[in-house]
Amino acid sequence: WLLPHFARREARHRVWAYIRGLLSPVERKNGWQLAEVNGDATPYGVQHVLGRAIWDAEAVRDELRNYLVEQISDSQAVLVLDETGCLKKGQQSAGVARQYSGTAGRVENCQIGVFLAYASVHGHALLDRALYLPQGWTDDRARCAHAGVPAEQRFATKPQLARHMLQRACEAGVPATWVTGDSV
């Protein structure tokens, strides 16, 4: 049900390999480990499908959300909002800045993602995600363009990103009684 969103056979093959790698017992889920688990010599195939292949990430997100709700929904479910940081050494990845990361427990050079998860008695899964772009990024359109950030992307606070994800879930009819999150 996800593969039709990828027009080329090679992209469908790589997406399936990526999913198998994410579900594998390998400890770290970086490009090199995922390539190794799938028998590839390099991570370039996975990197291509995630970074350069043409596919609609929002359509895939919506399809996955619909499938997950079909499988694990419950009227007493909980929507869980949280952010997490991914430490980065460089400055080229979209959103990288010196900012507080709960993962590190301090201010570090990192990217921050805001996530919406769904938890019910039948299971739990991620439903949505958004990359937090600090205002220093959104004010620098050339930097955004170089990092592949869409031209229409504007600054949004983490609570605003969370509110947009909740709105999408509610509009899609995701059944839940509670919403929770941390202090952010």
Protein backbone atom coordinates (compact mmCIF):
# COMPACT_ATOMS: atom_id res chain seq x y z
CA TRP A 1 0.00 0.00 0.00
CA LEU A 2 2.98 2.36 0.27
CA LEU A 3 4.91 1.21 -2.78
CA PRO A 4 2.49 2.69 -5.38
CA HIS A 5 3.59 6.14 -4.15
CA PHE A 6 7.00 5.48 -5.73
CA ALA A 7 6.81 5.59 -9.53
CA ARG A 8 10.08 3.84 -10.36
CA ARG A 9 10.77 0.17 -9.67
CA GLU A 10 14.23 0.96 -8.26
CA ALA A 11 12.74 3.43 -5.77
CA ARG A 12 10.15 0.86 -4.67
CA HIS A 13 12.93 -1.70 -4.19
CA ARG A 14 14.99 0.77 -2.13
CA VAL A 15 12.01 1.81 0.01
CA TRP A 16 11.24 -1.81 0.80
CA ALA A 17 14.90 -2.40 1.71
CA TYR A 18 14.86 0.71 3.90
CA ILE A 19 11.77 -0.54 5.77
CA ARG A 20 13.34 -3.99 6.22
CA GLY A 21 16.44 -2.31 7.61
CA LEU A 22 14.44 -0.18 10.05
CA LEU A 23 12.64 -3.28 11.29
CA SER A 24 15.85 -5.31 11.59
CA PRO A 25 17.60 -5.92 14.91
CA VAL A 26 20.65 -3.86 13.87
CA GLU A 27 21.45 -1.52 16.76
CA ARG A 28 22.11 1.71 14.85
CA LYS A 29 19.80 2.63 11.99
CA ASN A 30 22.19 4.83 10.00
CA GLY A 31 22.74 4.54 6.26
CA TRP A 32 25.80 2.31 6.48
CA GLN A 33 24.18 -0.19 8.88
CA LEU A 34 20.95 -0.29 6.85
CA ALA A 35 22.96 -0.91 3.68
CA GLU A 36 24.90 -3.70 5.36
CA VAL A 37 21.75 -5.40 6.67
CA ASN A 38 20.33 -5.35 3.12
CA GLY A 39 23.49 -6.64 1.47
CA ASP A 40 24.47 -3.34 -0.19
CA ALA A 41 28.10 -2.23 -0.30
CA THR A 42 27.23 1.46 0.28
CA PRO A 43 24.31 3.51 1.65
CA TYR A 44 23.94 5.45 -1.61
CA GLY A 45 20.74 3.69 -2.72
CA VAL A 46 18.88 4.48 0.49
CA GLN A 47 20.30 8.00 0.52
CA HIS A 48 19.06 8.48 -3.04
CA VAL A 49 15.49 7.38 -2.32
CA LEU A 50 15.32 9.52 0.84
CA GLY A 51 17.00 12.60 -0.57
CA ARG A 52 16.65 12.77 -4.34
CA ALA A 53 13.99 10.39 -5.62
CA ILE A 54 10.64 11.95 -6.45
CA TRP A 55 7.80 10.92 -4.13
CA ASP A 56 5.16 12.65 -2.03
CA ALA A 57 6.17 12.33 1.63
CA GLU A 58 2.85 13.77 2.83
CA ALA A 59 0.85 11.24 0.81
CA VAL A 60 2.96 8.41 2.23
CA ARG A 61 2.49 9.84 5.75
CA ASP A 62 -1.29 9.98 5.24
CA GLU A 63 -1.42 6.45 3.83
CA LEU A 64 0.63 5.11 6.73
CA ARG A 65 -1.53 6.99 9.26
CA ASN A 66 -4.70 5.53 7.74
CA TYR A 67 -3.24 2.02 7.82
CA LEU A 68 -2.07 2.32 11.43
CA VAL A 69 -5.40 3.72 12.62
CA GLU A 70 -7.14 0.85 10.83
CA GLN A 71 -4.94 -1.65 12.68
CA ILE A 72 -4.52 -0.22 16.20
CA SER A 73 -7.22 2.43 16.74
CA ASP A 74 -9.18 2.68 19.95
CA SER A 75 -11.54 5.37 21.22
CA GLN A 76 -9.46 5.64 24.42
CA ALA A 77 -6.16 6.10 22.57
CA VAL A 78 -3.65 8.81 23.39
CA LEU A 79 -1.94 11.19 20.97
CA VAL A 80 1.59 11.89 22.19
CA LEU A 81 3.56 14.97 21.13
CA ASP A 82 7.29 15.10 21.70
CA GLU A 83 10.45 16.52 20.24
CA THR A 84 13.81 14.91 19.92
CA GLY A 85 17.23 16.09 18.89
CA CYS A 86 19.71 14.53 16.50
CA LEU A 87 23.27 15.64 17.15
CA LYS A 88 25.09 16.93 14.05
CA LYS A 89 28.68 17.95 13.44
CA GLY A 90 28.24 20.10 10.32
CA GLN A 91 26.10 23.07 9.34
CA GLN A 92 24.69 21.88 5.99
CA SER A 93 21.76 19.67 7.07
CA ALA A 94 18.43 21.51 7.18
CA GLY A 95 17.69 23.01 10.58
CA VAL A 96 21.08 22.36 12.15
CA ALA A 97 21.88 24.95 14.79
CA ARG A 98 23.20 25.27 18.32
CA GLN A 99 20.03 24.66 20.30
CA TYR A 100 18.83 22.75 23.32
CA SER A 101 18.54 19.02 22.73
CA GLY A 102 16.80 16.89 25.31
CA THR A 103 18.64 13.92 23.82
CA ALA A 104 21.96 15.49 24.82
CA GLY A 105 20.58 17.29 27.88
CA ARG A 106 22.27 20.55 26.86
CA VAL A 107 22.75 23.05 24.03
CA GLU A 108 24.43 21.27 21.12
CA ASN A 109 24.75 21.49 17.37
CA CYS A 110 21.68 19.47 16.30
CA GLN A 111 18.47 19.13 14.35
CA ILE A 112 15.16 19.00 16.24
CA GLY A 113 12.18 16.99 15.10
CA VAL A 114 8.66 17.28 16.50
CA PHE A 115 6.70 14.03 16.44
CA LEU A 116 3.12 12.85 16.93
CA ALA A 117 2.68 9.29 18.14
CA TYR A 118 -0.46 7.23 18.66
CA ALA A 119 -0.81 4.84 21.59
CA SER A 120 -3.67 2.45 22.24
CA VAL A 121 -4.18 -0.90 23.95
CA HIS A 122 -3.55 -2.46 20.52
CA GLY A 123 -0.12 -0.89 19.93
CA HIS A 124 1.69 2.34 19.27
CA ALA A 125 3.23 4.04 16.24
CA LEU A 126 4.42 7.37 14.91
CA LEU A 127 1.75 9.23 12.93
CA ASP A 128 3.42 12.46 11.92
CA ARG A 129 6.63 14.45 12.02
CA ALA A 130 7.98 17.92 11.35
CA LEU A 131 11.50 19.27 11.21
CA TYR A 132 11.92 22.36 13.38
CA LEU A 133 13.70 25.10 11.45
CA PRO A 134 15.09 27.84 13.69
CA GLN A 135 14.28 31.38 12.56
CA GLY A 136 17.93 31.87 11.59
CA TRP A 137 17.32 29.20 8.96
CA THR A 138 13.96 30.41 7.65
CA ASP A 139 15.29 33.98 7.38
CA ASP A 140 18.14 32.76 5.14
CA ARG A 141 16.36 31.67 1.94
CA ALA A 142 19.63 30.91 0.11
CA ARG A 143 20.70 28.53 2.88
CA CYS A 144 17.26 26.90 2.83
CA ALA A 145 17.40 26.45 -0.94
CA HIS A 146 20.88 24.91 -0.71
CA ALA A 147 19.62 22.42 1.93
CA GLY A 148 16.51 21.51 -0.09
CA VAL A 149 14.01 23.29 2.16
CA PRO A 150 10.89 24.16 0.13
CA ALA A 151 10.59 27.87 -0.72
CA GLU A 152 7.17 28.10 0.96
CA GLN A 153 8.52 26.85 4.32
CA ARG A 154 8.28 29.62 6.94
CA PHE A 155 9.25 29.81 10.59
CA ALA A 156 7.00 27.91 13.01
CA THR A 157 7.56 27.31 16.70
CA LYS A 158 7.60 23.75 18.00
CA PRO A 159 4.12 24.19 19.55
CA GLN A 160 2.83 25.51 16.21
CA LEU A 161 4.26 22.46 14.42
CA ALA A 162 2.60 20.22 17.03
CA ARG A 163 -0.73 22.01 16.61
CA HIS A 164 -0.58 21.46 12.81
CA MET A 165 0.05 17.74 13.33
CA LEU A 166 -2.86 17.49 15.79
CA GLN A 167 -5.11 19.30 13.33
CA ARG A 168 -4.17 16.87 10.53
CA ALA A 169 -4.89 13.90 12.83
CA CYS A 170 -8.25 15.30 13.89
CA GLU A 171 -9.24 16.13 10.30
CA ALA A 172 -8.35 12.55 9.32
CA GLY A 173 -10.66 11.20 12.03
CA VAL A 174 -7.95 9.65 14.19
CA PRO A 175 -9.81 8.40 17.29
CA ALA A 176 -8.31 9.50 20.60
CA THR A 177 -9.48 10.68 23.98
CA TRP A 178 -6.26 12.20 25.26
CA VAL A 179 -3.39 14.34 24.05
CA THR A 180 -0.16 14.52 26.00
CA GLY A 181 3.32 15.90 25.55
CA ASP A 182 6.29 17.28 27.42
CA SER A 183 6.82 20.85 28.62
CA VAL A 184 7.69 22.21 25.18
